[in-house]
């Protein structure tokens, strides 16, 4: 199955964190086993980065829950479920997401801040939390791809406007390929025609060429 989005990972991450202090690389295998991820999915990296996509999404799930007071970080790189997180688990929630985190004043205060104001623990480019299922890095990658596509289209349009011979060359290539396909297709059809009909067609073509001005 596809790698779960960071909101789908919140409840599993909190559940494991309630067992004791842990780290993202430690719980990633358990998460992967829980969701039945393939080896390829476990090792999938973010574009232009060496960070694993699964690790990235676990980090974001943990980060948002920490802003709601559900996760504590006793030491750098480690985390554990807070008393509030354990109390939430005692209610046996079916799902945990950004909308559910808005029940916690500290999380509401966090998302109401100007983007990044006073925030030092967030990863670079931290946005206001939304219901989006993709992480901020993935949002940035998608925006970058759209921008690159637009730039490529604009550059091609400018190039064709200044160098019109390129367009004519492209048209010539298309016509050449079309003719090659017609010739190839004609021979394939001819192979299935009766010999007498094939000879008649050849004779008609020769006659047409001789009578042509």
C-alpha atoms as a PDB file:
ATOM      1  CA  UNK A   1       0.000   0.000   0.000  1.00  0.00           C
ATOM      2  CA  UNK A   2       1.146   3.644  -0.449  1.00  0.00           C
ATOM      3  CA  UNK A   3       3.070   5.317   2.364  1.00  0.00           C
ATOM      4  CA  UNK A   4       0.438   6.781   4.739  1.00  0.00           C
ATOM      5  CA  UNK A   5       0.235  10.562   4.956  1.00  0.00           C
ATOM      6  CA  UNK A   6       1.479  12.238   8.134  1.00  0.00           C
ATOM      7  CA  UNK A   7      -2.013  12.624   9.576  1.00  0.00           C
ATOM      8  CA  UNK A   8      -2.684   8.886   9.252  1.00  0.00           C
ATOM      9  CA  UNK A   9       0.588   8.307  11.121  1.00  0.00           C
ATOM     10  CA  UNK A  10      -0.317  10.437  14.135  1.00  0.00           C
ATOM     11  CA  UNK A  11      -2.243   7.807  16.095  1.00  0.00           C
ATOM     12  CA  UNK A  12       0.246   4.946  15.466  1.00  0.00           C
ATOM     13  CA  UNK A  13       3.166   7.207  16.402  1.00  0.00           C
ATOM     14  CA  UNK A  14       1.470   8.356  19.605  1.00  0.00           C
ATOM     15  CA  UNK A  15       0.584   4.762  20.501  1.00  0.00           C
ATOM     16  CA  UNK A  16       4.201   3.643  20.196  1.00  0.00           C
ATOM     17  CA  UNK A  17       5.425   6.744  22.034  1.00  0.00           C
ATOM     18  CA  UNK A  18       3.181   5.794  24.967  1.00  0.00           C
ATOM     19  CA  UNK A  19       5.348   2.679  25.457  1.00  0.00           C
ATOM     20  CA  UNK A  20       8.359   4.806  26.370  1.00  0.00           C
ATOM     21  CA  UNK A  21      11.013   7.162  25.054  1.00  0.00           C
ATOM     22  CA  UNK A  22      11.883   6.422  21.441  1.00  0.00           C
ATOM     23  CA  UNK A  23      13.271   7.843  18.189  1.00  0.00           C
ATOM     24  CA  UNK A  24      11.958   8.134  14.658  1.00  0.00           C
ATOM     25  CA  UNK A  25      14.394   5.589  13.123  1.00  0.00           C
ATOM     26  CA  UNK A  26      13.479   3.121  15.889  1.00  0.00           C
ATOM     27  CA  UNK A  27       9.737   3.219  15.300  1.00  0.00           C
ATOM     28  CA  UNK A  28       9.822   3.499  11.496  1.00  0.00           C
ATOM     29  CA  UNK A  29      10.172  -0.271  11.013  1.00  0.00           C
ATOM     30  CA  UNK A  30       7.243  -0.951  13.320  1.00  0.00           C
ATOM     31  CA  UNK A  31       5.154   1.610  11.448  1.00  0.00           C
ATOM     32  CA  UNK A  32       6.173   0.096   8.120  1.00  0.00           C
ATOM     33  CA  UNK A  33       5.244  -3.395   9.332  1.00  0.00           C
ATOM     34  CA  UNK A  34       1.922  -2.130  10.662  1.00  0.00           C
ATOM     35  CA  UNK A  35       0.976  -0.654   7.290  1.00  0.00           C
ATOM     36  CA  UNK A  36       2.495  -3.487   5.250  1.00  0.00           C
ATOM     37  CA  UNK A  37       4.921  -1.300   3.329  1.00  0.00           C
ATOM     38  CA  UNK A  38       7.171  -2.872   0.730  1.00  0.00           C
ATOM     39  CA  UNK A  39      10.959  -2.673   0.860  1.00  0.00           C
ATOM     40  CA  UNK A  40      10.875  -0.093  -1.922  1.00  0.00           C
ATOM     41  CA  UNK A  41       8.400   2.073  -0.008  1.00  0.00           C
ATOM     42  CA  UNK A  42      10.469   1.805   3.177  1.00  0.00           C
ATOM     43  CA  UNK A  43      13.548   3.073   1.326  1.00  0.00           C
ATOM     44  CA  UNK A  44      11.810   5.765  -0.742  1.00  0.00           C
ATOM     45  CA  UNK A  45      13.513   9.133  -0.380  1.00  0.00           C
ATOM     46  CA  UNK A  46      12.184  12.645  -0.807  1.00  0.00           C
ATOM     47  CA  UNK A  47      13.055  14.312  -4.120  1.00  0.00           C
ATOM     48  CA  UNK A  48      16.387  16.115  -3.961  1.00  0.00           C
ATOM     49  CA  UNK A  49      17.011  14.730  -0.470  1.00  0.00           C
ATOM     50  CA  UNK A  50      18.490  11.704   1.262  1.00  0.00           C
ATOM     51  CA  UNK A  51      15.795  11.709   3.955  1.00  0.00           C
ATOM     52  CA  UNK A  52      13.388   8.781   3.784  1.00  0.00           C
ATOM     53  CA  UNK A  53       9.826   9.796   2.994  1.00  0.00           C
ATOM     54  CA  UNK A  54       8.459   7.628   5.821  1.00  0.00           C
ATOM     55  CA  UNK A  55      10.836   9.230   8.342  1.00  0.00           C
ATOM     56  CA  UNK A  56       9.834  12.679   7.109  1.00  0.00           C
ATOM     57  CA  UNK A  57       6.141  11.989   7.594  1.00  0.00           C
ATOM     58  CA  UNK A  58       6.718  10.531  11.068  1.00  0.00           C
ATOM     59  CA  UNK A  59       8.670  13.669  11.982  1.00  0.00           C
ATOM     60  CA  UNK A  60       5.805  15.895  10.888  1.00  0.00           C
ATOM     61  CA  UNK A  61       3.224  13.802  12.741  1.00  0.00           C
ATOM     62  CA  UNK A  62       5.361  14.034  15.877  1.00  0.00           C
ATOM     63  CA  UNK A  63       5.953  17.758  15.433  1.00  0.00           C
ATOM     64  CA  UNK A  64       2.268  18.653  15.146  1.00  0.00           C
ATOM     65  CA  UNK A  65       1.336  16.450  18.105  1.00  0.00           C
ATOM     66  CA  UNK A  66       4.045  18.119  20.177  1.00  0.00           C
ATOM     67  CA  UNK A  67       2.414  21.477  19.445  1.00  0.00           C
ATOM     68  CA  UNK A  68      -0.828  20.074  20.886  1.00  0.00           C
ATOM     69  CA  UNK A  69       1.018  18.902  24.002  1.00  0.00           C
ATOM     70  CA  UNK A  70       0.567  15.207  23.214  1.00  0.00           C
ATOM     71  CA  UNK A  71       4.285  14.531  22.708  1.00  0.00           C
ATOM     72  CA  UNK A  72       7.227  15.484  24.937  1.00  0.00           C
ATOM     73  CA  UNK A  73      10.905  15.540  23.947  1.00  0.00           C
ATOM     74  CA  UNK A  74      12.972  14.685  27.041  1.00  0.00           C
ATOM     75  CA  UNK A  75      16.203  14.721  25.036  1.00  0.00           C
ATOM     76  CA  UNK A  76      17.313  15.883  21.616  1.00  0.00           C
ATOM     77  CA  UNK A  77      16.114  13.430  18.983  1.00  0.00           C
ATOM     78  CA  UNK A  78      13.882  11.466  21.339  1.00  0.00           C
ATOM     79  CA  UNK A  79      10.196  11.734  22.158  1.00  0.00           C
ATOM     80  CA  UNK A  80       7.571  10.144  24.375  1.00  0.00           C
ATOM     81  CA  UNK A  81       3.820  10.461  24.892  1.00  0.00           C
ATOM     82  CA  UNK A  82       2.940  13.180  27.395  1.00  0.00           C
ATOM     83  CA  UNK A  83       0.282  12.751  30.112  1.00  0.00           C
ATOM     84  CA  UNK A  84      -2.165  14.492  27.754  1.00  0.00           C
ATOM     85  CA  UNK A  85      -1.222  12.054  24.998  1.00  0.00           C
ATOM     86  CA  UNK A  86      -1.779   9.058  27.276  1.00  0.00           C
ATOM     87  CA  UNK A  87      -5.120  10.502  28.373  1.00  0.00           C
ATOM     88  CA  UNK A  88      -6.164  10.791  24.740  1.00  0.00           C
ATOM     89  CA  UNK A  89      -5.181   7.177  24.038  1.00  0.00           C
ATOM     90  CA  UNK A  90      -7.256   6.076  27.038  1.00  0.00           C
ATOM     91  CA  UNK A  91     -10.297   7.349  25.122  1.00  0.00           C
ATOM     92  CA  UNK A  92      -9.486   4.891  22.282  1.00  0.00           C
ATOM     93  CA  UNK A  93      -9.788   7.399  19.404  1.00  0.00           C
ATOM     94  CA  UNK A  94     -10.391   5.898  15.977  1.00  0.00           C
ATOM     95  CA  UNK A  95      -8.298   8.527  14.225  1.00  0.00           C
ATOM     96  CA  UNK A  96      -6.090  11.480  15.047  1.00  0.00           C
ATOM     97  CA  UNK A  97      -5.547  14.355  12.637  1.00  0.00           C
ATOM     98  CA  UNK A  98      -5.008  18.104  12.441  1.00  0.00           C
ATOM     99  CA  UNK A  99      -8.697  18.796  13.005  1.00  0.00           C
ATOM    100  CA  UNK A 100      -8.645  16.738  16.225  1.00  0.00           C
ATOM    101  CA  UNK A 101      -5.541  18.602  17.428  1.00  0.00           C
ATOM    102  CA  UNK A 102      -7.497  21.853  17.275  1.00  0.00           C
ATOM    103  CA  UNK A 103      -9.247  20.748  20.463  1.00  0.00           C
ATOM    104  CA  UNK A 104      -6.005  21.657  22.280  1.00  0.00           C
ATOM    105  CA  UNK A 105      -5.462  25.388  22.986  1.00  0.00           C
ATOM    106  CA  UNK A 106      -1.690  25.183  22.540  1.00  0.00           C
ATOM    107  CA  UNK A 107      -2.143  23.834  19.014  1.00  0.00           C
ATOM    108  CA  UNK A 108      -4.685  26.517  18.135  1.00  0.00           C
ATOM    109  CA  UNK A 109      -2.252  29.121  19.426  1.00  0.00           C
ATOM    110  CA  UNK A 110       0.496  27.598  17.279  1.00  0.00           C
ATOM    111  CA  UNK A 111      -1.497  27.647  14.021  1.00  0.00           C
ATOM    112  CA  UNK A 112      -2.798  31.138  14.716  1.00  0.00           C
ATOM    113  CA  UNK A 113       0.741  32.545  14.867  1.00  0.00           C
ATOM    114  CA  UNK A 114       2.173  34.320  11.832  1.00  0.00           C
ATOM    115  CA  UNK A 115       3.945  31.674   9.792  1.00  0.00           C
ATOM    116  CA  UNK A 116       7.206  30.809  11.528  1.00  0.00           C
ATOM    117  CA  UNK A 117       7.028  33.630  14.060  1.00  0.00           C
ATOM    118  CA  UNK A 118       9.141  32.764  17.064  1.00  0.00           C
ATOM    119  CA  UNK A 119       9.326  29.144  15.987  1.00  0.00           C
ATOM    120  CA  UNK A 120      12.785  27.607  16.326  1.00  0.00           C
ATOM    121  CA  UNK A 121      12.018  23.895  16.617  1.00  0.00           C
ATOM    122  CA  UNK A 122      10.079  23.575  13.369  1.00  0.00           C
ATOM    123  CA  UNK A 123      11.763  22.323  10.212  1.00  0.00           C
ATOM    124  CA  UNK A 124      12.646  24.948   7.653  1.00  0.00           C
ATOM    125  CA  UNK A 125       9.641  26.128   5.679  1.00  0.00           C
ATOM    126  CA  UNK A 126       7.106  25.229   8.356  1.00  0.00           C
ATOM    127  CA  UNK A 127       3.618  26.347   7.221  1.00  0.00           C
ATOM    128  CA  UNK A 128       0.404  26.820   9.131  1.00  0.00           C
ATOM    129  CA  UNK A 129      -1.129  23.383   9.721  1.00  0.00           C
ATOM    130  CA  UNK A 130      -3.961  22.487   7.378  1.00  0.00           C
ATOM    131  CA  UNK A 131      -5.979  19.434   6.440  1.00  0.00           C
ATOM    132  CA  UNK A 132      -3.561  18.695   3.582  1.00  0.00           C
ATOM    133  CA  UNK A 133      -2.408  15.092   3.581  1.00  0.00           C
ATOM    134  CA  UNK A 134       1.046  15.911   2.207  1.00  0.00           C
ATOM    135  CA  UNK A 135       3.935  17.263   4.208  1.00  0.00           C
ATOM    136  CA  UNK A 136       5.362  20.778   3.711  1.00  0.00           C
ATOM    137  CA  UNK A 137       8.407  19.398   1.851  1.00  0.00           C
ATOM    138  CA  UNK A 138       6.084  17.586  -0.544  1.00  0.00           C
ATOM    139  CA  UNK A 139       4.052  20.763  -1.033  1.00  0.00           C
ATOM    140  CA  UNK A 140       7.269  22.619  -1.864  1.00  0.00           C
ATOM    141  CA  UNK A 141       8.358  19.886  -4.311  1.00  0.00           C
ATOM    142  CA  UNK A 142       4.962  19.978  -6.043  1.00  0.00           C
ATOM    143  CA  UNK A 143       5.077  23.777  -6.321  1.00  0.00           C
ATOM    144  CA  UNK A 144       8.645  23.601  -7.649  1.00  0.00           C
ATOM    145  CA  UNK A 145       7.590  21.098 -10.319  1.00  0.00           C
ATOM    146  CA  UNK A 146       4.673  23.319 -11.416  1.00  0.00           C
ATOM    147  CA  UNK A 147       7.007  26.326 -11.577  1.00  0.00           C
ATOM    148  CA  UNK A 148       9.635  24.397 -13.564  1.00  0.00           C
ATOM    149  CA  UNK A 149       6.980  23.178 -15.989  1.00  0.00           C
ATOM    150  CA  UNK A 150       5.715  26.718 -16.514  1.00  0.00           C
ATOM    151  CA  UNK A 151       9.270  27.994 -17.050  1.00  0.00           C
ATOM    152  CA  UNK A 152      10.014  25.241 -19.581  1.00  0.00           C
ATOM    153  CA  UNK A 153       6.822  26.065 -21.496  1.00  0.00           C
ATOM    154  CA  UNK A 154       7.618  29.788 -21.485  1.00  0.00           C
ATOM    155  CA  UNK A 155      11.213  29.244 -22.618  1.00  0.00           C
ATOM    156  CA  UNK A 156      10.080  26.935 -25.426  1.00  0.00           C
ATOM    157  CA  UNK A 157       7.499  29.493 -26.590  1.00  0.00           C
ATOM    158  CA  UNK A 158      10.132  32.259 -26.596  1.00  0.00           C
ATOM    159  CA  UNK A 159      12.612  30.055 -28.448  1.00  0.00           C
ATOM    160  CA  UNK A 160      10.073  29.110 -31.127  1.00  0.00           C
ATOM    161  CA  UNK A 161       9.117  32.757 -31.529  1.00  0.00           C
ATOM    162  CA  UNK A 162      12.721  33.810 -32.169  1.00  0.00           C
ATOM    163  CA  UNK A 163      13.921  30.702 -34.013  1.00  0.00           C
ATOM    164  CA  UNK A 164      11.027  29.701 -36.259  1.00  0.00           C
ATOM    165  CA  UNK A 165      13.169  27.180 -38.126  1.00  0.00           C
ATOM    166  CA  UNK A 166      12.948  24.926 -35.062  1.00  0.00           C
ATOM    167  CA  UNK A 167       9.175  24.691 -35.506  1.00  0.00           C
ATOM    168  CA  UNK A 168       9.607  23.842 -39.200  1.00  0.00           C
ATOM    169  CA  UNK A 169      12.189  21.237 -38.309  1.00  0.00           C
ATOM    170  CA  UNK A 170       9.781  19.704 -35.800  1.00  0.00           C
ATOM    171  CA  UNK A 171       7.051  19.631 -38.468  1.00  0.00           C
ATOM    172  CA  UNK A 172       9.414  17.968 -40.949  1.00  0.00           C
ATOM    173  CA  UNK A 173      10.281  15.289 -38.386  1.00  0.00           C
ATOM    174  CA  UNK A 174       6.591  14.640 -37.732  1.00  0.00           C
ATOM    175  CA  UNK A 175       5.873  14.330 -41.480  1.00  0.00           C
ATOM    176  CA  UNK A 176       8.864  12.030 -41.967  1.00  0.00           C
ATOM    177  CA  UNK A 177       7.768   9.759 -39.127  1.00  0.00           C
ATOM    178  CA  UNK A 178       4.204   9.706 -40.483  1.00  0.00           C
ATOM    179  CA  UNK A 179       5.429   8.694 -43.940  1.00  0.00           C
ATOM    180  CA  UNK A 180       7.615   5.972 -42.447  1.00  0.00           C
ATOM    181  CA  UNK A 181       4.632   4.635 -40.513  1.00  0.00           C
ATOM    182  CA  UNK A 182       2.467   4.664 -43.664  1.00  0.00           C
ATOM    183  CA  UNK A 183       5.103   2.813 -45.659  1.00  0.00           C
ATOM    184  CA  UNK A 184       5.659   0.292 -42.877  1.00  0.00           C
ATOM    185  CA  UNK A 185       1.932  -0.206 -42.464  1.00  0.00           C
ATOM    186  CA  UNK A 186       1.433  -0.583 -46.223  1.00  0.00           C
ATOM    187  CA  UNK A 187       3.949  -3.437 -46.405  1.00  0.00           C
ATOM    188  CA  UNK A 188       2.285  -5.144 -43.446  1.00  0.00           C
ATOM    189  CA  UNK A 189      -1.078  -4.910 -45.210  1.00  0.00           C
ATOM    190  CA  UNK A 190       0.425  -6.071 -48.484  1.00  0.00           C
ATOM    191  CA  UNK A 191       1.746  -9.216 -46.796  1.00  0.00           C
ATOM    192  CA  UNK A 192      -1.843 -10.286 -46.143  1.00  0.00           C
ATOM    193  CA  UNK A 193      -3.205  -9.497 -49.652  1.00  0.00           C
ATOM    194  CA  UNK A 194      -3.660 -12.194 -52.300  1.00  0.00           C
ATOM    195  CA  UNK A 195      -0.724 -12.117 -54.783  1.00  0.00           C
ATOM    196  CA  UNK A 196      -3.011 -11.347 -57.720  1.00  0.00           C
ATOM    197  CA  UNK A 197      -4.522  -8.311 -55.996  1.00  0.00           C
ATOM    198  CA  UNK A 198      -1.098  -7.090 -54.919  1.00  0.00           C
ATOM    199  CA  UNK A 199       0.178  -7.265 -58.522  1.00  0.00           C
ATOM    200  CA  UNK A 200      -2.896  -5.394 -59.769  1.00  0.00           C
ATOM    201  CA  UNK A 201      -2.304  -2.630 -57.231  1.00  0.00           C
ATOM    202  CA  UNK A 202       1.348  -2.339 -58.272  1.00  0.00           C
ATOM    203  CA  UNK A 203       0.350  -2.147 -61.939  1.00  0.00           C
ATOM    204  CA  UNK A 204      -2.214   0.558 -61.155  1.00  0.00           C
ATOM    205  CA  UNK A 205       0.384   2.602 -59.238  1.00  0.00           C
ATOM    206  CA  UNK A 206       2.861   2.362 -62.155  1.00  0.00           C
ATOM    207  CA  UNK A 207       0.152   3.425 -64.563  1.00  0.00           C
ATOM    208  CA  UNK A 208      -0.794   6.353 -62.351  1.00  0.00           C
ATOM    209  CA  UNK A 209       2.803   7.527 -62.192  1.00  0.00           C
ATOM    210  CA  UNK A 210       3.222   7.384 -66.023  1.00  0.00           C
ATOM    211  CA  UNK A 211       0.026   9.350 -66.594  1.00  0.00           C
ATOM    212  CA  UNK A 212       0.892  11.966 -64.013  1.00  0.00           C
ATOM    213  CA  UNK A 213       1.986  15.351 -65.587  1.00  0.00           C
END
